[in-house]
Structures are given as structure tokens and as C-alpha cells.
């Protein structure tokens, strides 16, 4: 599906191919606004939100390029000496048979999130 009808004004195909979008590609990510709103509402309603669907439907892309940037933008600056209490992260590859244990997956996702702050 690389036909010309999917190209943008600069004649570029707007998706990155088989890999998920990243937060840096937020401006290129579009068409999933209702899912983004729904996920943010679910996150606001509780502490942990789990998104599960078949492979390749765009779960990681909507989280990385839409939900996480939105959550990061709305954080209020903390007063000097006060640490942030909210860190949006995307944890993957923790199911049985994956190379990481759930603890390792959470730890590496948290470290990656902290580095982006």
C-alpha cells in the first residue's frame, strides 16, 4: 500500500513502515484521535491502563506518538525541589517467552522515560 493516494504534500509516505511511530514523529501521526482520547480518559480514571490487541494494529504507535506526548505536555512544572509523581511509559515485550521478565521490562521502560524528561 504505497500508492500515491497515501502520500503527503511533500510526496512522502506518512508512516514509518513496519516499525511503530515514536514521540518524535508525533506531527506525522494522525487518524487515531478518538482512540487517543479514549486511552487518555481511561488513564485519567485509574492508575494502570492495559491495551491489548492483535499484532500490527498500531497499539505502540498510538501510545508513543499520541498518548504519551499529550500526557507529557499537560504536566505542570513542579516547584523547585519537588519531584514529579507522574511518568508516562510504554512497556512492551513482557509476556511469557519474551527476552525480559516483567520487572526488567518495567525497569527499562522507566529508565527510558526518565531519560526523555
C-alpha atoms as a PDB file:
ATOM      1  CA  UNK A   1       0.000   0.000   0.000  1.00  0.00           C
ATOM      2  CA  UNK A   2       2.488   2.591  -1.083  1.00  0.00           C
ATOM      3  CA  UNK A   3       0.198   4.166  -3.672  1.00  0.00           C
ATOM      4  CA  UNK A   4       0.206   7.882  -4.345  1.00  0.00           C
ATOM      5  CA  UNK A   5      -3.128   8.462  -2.565  1.00  0.00           C
ATOM      6  CA  UNK A   6      -1.349   7.887   0.775  1.00  0.00           C
ATOM      7  CA  UNK A   7       1.439  10.395   0.164  1.00  0.00           C
ATOM      8  CA  UNK A   8       1.514  13.783   1.901  1.00  0.00           C
ATOM      9  CA  UNK A   9       2.046  17.221   0.308  1.00  0.00           C
ATOM     10  CA  UNK A  10       5.810  16.675   0.091  1.00  0.00           C
ATOM     11  CA  UNK A  11       5.201  13.394  -1.772  1.00  0.00           C
ATOM     12  CA  UNK A  12       6.285  11.359   1.276  1.00  0.00           C
ATOM     13  CA  UNK A  13       4.516   8.289   2.602  1.00  0.00           C
ATOM     14  CA  UNK A  14       3.418   9.398   6.104  1.00  0.00           C
ATOM     15  CA  UNK A  15       4.097   6.192   8.049  1.00  0.00           C
ATOM     16  CA  UNK A  16       7.445   4.733   9.104  1.00  0.00           C
ATOM     17  CA  UNK A  17       6.920   1.258   7.676  1.00  0.00           C
ATOM     18  CA  UNK A  18       6.888  -1.878   9.814  1.00  0.00           C
ATOM     19  CA  UNK A  19       8.166  -0.178  12.975  1.00  0.00           C
ATOM     20  CA  UNK A  20       5.963   1.845  15.349  1.00  0.00           C
ATOM     21  CA  UNK A  21       5.837   5.646  15.346  1.00  0.00           C
ATOM     22  CA  UNK A  22       7.877   7.404  18.044  1.00  0.00           C
ATOM     23  CA  UNK A  23       7.169  10.537  20.086  1.00  0.00           C
ATOM     24  CA  UNK A  24       9.482  12.460  17.736  1.00  0.00           C
ATOM     25  CA  UNK A  25       7.105  11.586  14.881  1.00  0.00           C
ATOM     26  CA  UNK A  26       4.028  12.938  16.642  1.00  0.00           C
ATOM     27  CA  UNK A  27       3.410  15.550  13.911  1.00  0.00           C
ATOM     28  CA  UNK A  28       3.210  12.802  11.272  1.00  0.00           C
ATOM     29  CA  UNK A  29       0.820  10.637  13.289  1.00  0.00           C
ATOM     30  CA  UNK A  30      -2.875  11.190  12.539  1.00  0.00           C
ATOM     31  CA  UNK A  31      -6.217   9.458  12.265  1.00  0.00           C
ATOM     32  CA  UNK A  32      -6.368   7.905  15.733  1.00  0.00           C
ATOM     33  CA  UNK A  33      -7.724  10.871  17.696  1.00  0.00           C
ATOM     34  CA  UNK A  34     -10.751   9.029  19.102  1.00  0.00           C
ATOM     35  CA  UNK A  35      -8.549   6.171  20.348  1.00  0.00           C
ATOM     36  CA  UNK A  36      -6.150   8.713  21.836  1.00  0.00           C
ATOM     37  CA  UNK A  37      -8.969  10.485  23.708  1.00  0.00           C
ATOM     38  CA  UNK A  38     -10.374   7.181  24.951  1.00  0.00           C
ATOM     39  CA  UNK A  39      -6.989   5.963  26.218  1.00  0.00           C
ATOM     40  CA  UNK A  40      -6.248   9.272  27.982  1.00  0.00           C
ATOM     41  CA  UNK A  41      -9.700   9.176  29.629  1.00  0.00           C
ATOM     42  CA  UNK A  42      -9.006   5.624  30.836  1.00  0.00           C
ATOM     43  CA  UNK A  43      -5.602   6.652  32.189  1.00  0.00           C
ATOM     44  CA  UNK A  44      -7.174   9.622  33.983  1.00  0.00           C
ATOM     45  CA  UNK A  45      -9.765   7.320  35.557  1.00  0.00           C
ATOM     46  CA  UNK A  46      -7.226   4.954  37.126  1.00  0.00           C
ATOM     47  CA  UNK A  47      -3.590   4.171  37.753  1.00  0.00           C
ATOM     48  CA  UNK A  48      -2.862   1.380  35.267  1.00  0.00           C
ATOM     49  CA  UNK A  49      -4.218   1.044  31.751  1.00  0.00           C
ATOM     50  CA  UNK A  50      -3.617  -2.096  29.693  1.00  0.00           C
ATOM     51  CA  UNK A  51      -4.017  -2.031  25.930  1.00  0.00           C
ATOM     52  CA  UNK A  52      -4.231  -5.394  24.234  1.00  0.00           C
ATOM     53  CA  UNK A  53      -4.936  -6.219  20.587  1.00  0.00           C
ATOM     54  CA  UNK A  54      -3.519  -8.317  17.797  1.00  0.00           C
ATOM     55  CA  UNK A  55      -0.080  -7.537  16.456  1.00  0.00           C
ATOM     56  CA  UNK A  56       0.266  -4.748  13.914  1.00  0.00           C
ATOM     57  CA  UNK A  57      -2.861  -2.716  14.659  1.00  0.00           C
ATOM     58  CA  UNK A  58      -0.917   0.294  15.977  1.00  0.00           C
ATOM     59  CA  UNK A  59      -1.056  -0.005  19.770  1.00  0.00           C
ATOM     60  CA  UNK A  60       2.529   1.112  20.255  1.00  0.00           C
ATOM     61  CA  UNK A  61       2.252   3.899  17.685  1.00  0.00           C
ATOM     62  CA  UNK A  62      -0.836   5.458  19.262  1.00  0.00           C
ATOM     63  CA  UNK A  63       0.816   5.300  22.682  1.00  0.00           C
ATOM     64  CA  UNK A  64       4.230   6.617  21.634  1.00  0.00           C
ATOM     65  CA  UNK A  65       3.178   9.246  19.081  1.00  0.00           C
ATOM     66  CA  UNK A  66      -0.116  10.459  20.574  1.00  0.00           C
ATOM     67  CA  UNK A  67      -0.916   9.478  24.157  1.00  0.00           C
ATOM     68  CA  UNK A  68       2.494   9.822  25.831  1.00  0.00           C
ATOM     69  CA  UNK A  69       3.298  13.213  24.215  1.00  0.00           C
ATOM     70  CA  UNK A  70      -0.130  14.504  25.291  1.00  0.00           C
ATOM     71  CA  UNK A  71       0.412  13.325  28.864  1.00  0.00           C
ATOM     72  CA  UNK A  72       3.875  14.885  28.953  1.00  0.00           C
ATOM     73  CA  UNK A  73       2.620  18.240  27.613  1.00  0.00           C
ATOM     74  CA  UNK A  74      -0.082  18.594  30.218  1.00  0.00           C
ATOM     75  CA  UNK A  75       2.221  18.033  33.188  1.00  0.00           C
ATOM     76  CA  UNK A  76       2.559  21.161  35.240  1.00  0.00           C
ATOM     77  CA  UNK A  77       6.028  22.378  36.218  1.00  0.00           C
ATOM     78  CA  UNK A  78       6.904  21.352  39.752  1.00  0.00           C
ATOM     79  CA  UNK A  79       8.232  23.839  42.304  1.00  0.00           C
ATOM     80  CA  UNK A  80      12.000  23.669  42.932  1.00  0.00           C
ATOM     81  CA  UNK A  81      12.959  20.611  44.948  1.00  0.00           C
ATOM     82  CA  UNK A  82       9.708  18.746  44.212  1.00  0.00           C
ATOM     83  CA  UNK A  83       9.959  15.575  42.167  1.00  0.00           C
ATOM     84  CA  UNK A  84       7.403  14.675  39.549  1.00  0.00           C
ATOM     85  CA  UNK A  85       4.938  11.967  40.507  1.00  0.00           C
ATOM     86  CA  UNK A  86       3.790  11.077  37.017  1.00  0.00           C
ATOM     87  CA  UNK A  87       5.837   9.363  34.316  1.00  0.00           C
ATOM     88  CA  UNK A  88       4.038   8.050  31.243  1.00  0.00           C
ATOM     89  CA  UNK A  89       5.806   4.963  29.880  1.00  0.00           C
ATOM     90  CA  UNK A  90       5.108   2.273  27.306  1.00  0.00           C
ATOM     91  CA  UNK A  91       6.044  -1.249  28.445  1.00  0.00           C
ATOM     92  CA  UNK A  92       6.379  -3.978  25.818  1.00  0.00           C
ATOM     93  CA  UNK A  93       7.787  -7.489  25.483  1.00  0.00           C
ATOM     94  CA  UNK A  94       6.912  -8.811  28.923  1.00  0.00           C
ATOM     95  CA  UNK A  95       4.753 -11.829  28.048  1.00  0.00           C
ATOM     96  CA  UNK A  96       5.819 -15.413  28.591  1.00  0.00           C
ATOM     97  CA  UNK A  97       8.718 -16.370  26.370  1.00  0.00           C
ATOM     98  CA  UNK A  98       9.895 -12.785  25.847  1.00  0.00           C
ATOM     99  CA  UNK A  99      13.560 -11.969  26.438  1.00  0.00           C
ATOM    100  CA  UNK A 100      12.708  -9.882  29.526  1.00  0.00           C
ATOM    101  CA  UNK A 101      10.873 -10.589  32.749  1.00  0.00           C
ATOM    102  CA  UNK A 102       8.019  -8.177  33.587  1.00  0.00           C
ATOM    103  CA  UNK A 103      10.283  -6.496  36.152  1.00  0.00           C
ATOM    104  CA  UNK A 104      13.067  -5.996  33.594  1.00  0.00           C
ATOM    105  CA  UNK A 105      10.613  -4.631  31.027  1.00  0.00           C
ATOM    106  CA  UNK A 106       9.164  -2.119  33.523  1.00  0.00           C
ATOM    107  CA  UNK A 107      12.626  -1.112  34.734  1.00  0.00           C
ATOM    108  CA  UNK A 108      13.962  -0.460  31.217  1.00  0.00           C
ATOM    109  CA  UNK A 109      10.782   1.425  30.213  1.00  0.00           C
ATOM    110  CA  UNK A 110      11.026   3.615  33.316  1.00  0.00           C
ATOM    111  CA  UNK A 111      14.695   4.358  32.682  1.00  0.00           C
ATOM    112  CA  UNK A 112      13.930   5.272  29.062  1.00  0.00           C
ATOM    113  CA  UNK A 113      11.104   7.545  30.244  1.00  0.00           C
ATOM    114  CA  UNK A 114      13.361   9.255  32.766  1.00  0.00           C
ATOM    115  CA  UNK A 115      15.993   9.884  30.094  1.00  0.00           C
ATOM    116  CA  UNK A 116      13.402  11.647  27.923  1.00  0.00           C
ATOM    117  CA  UNK A 117      12.399  14.034  30.740  1.00  0.00           C
END
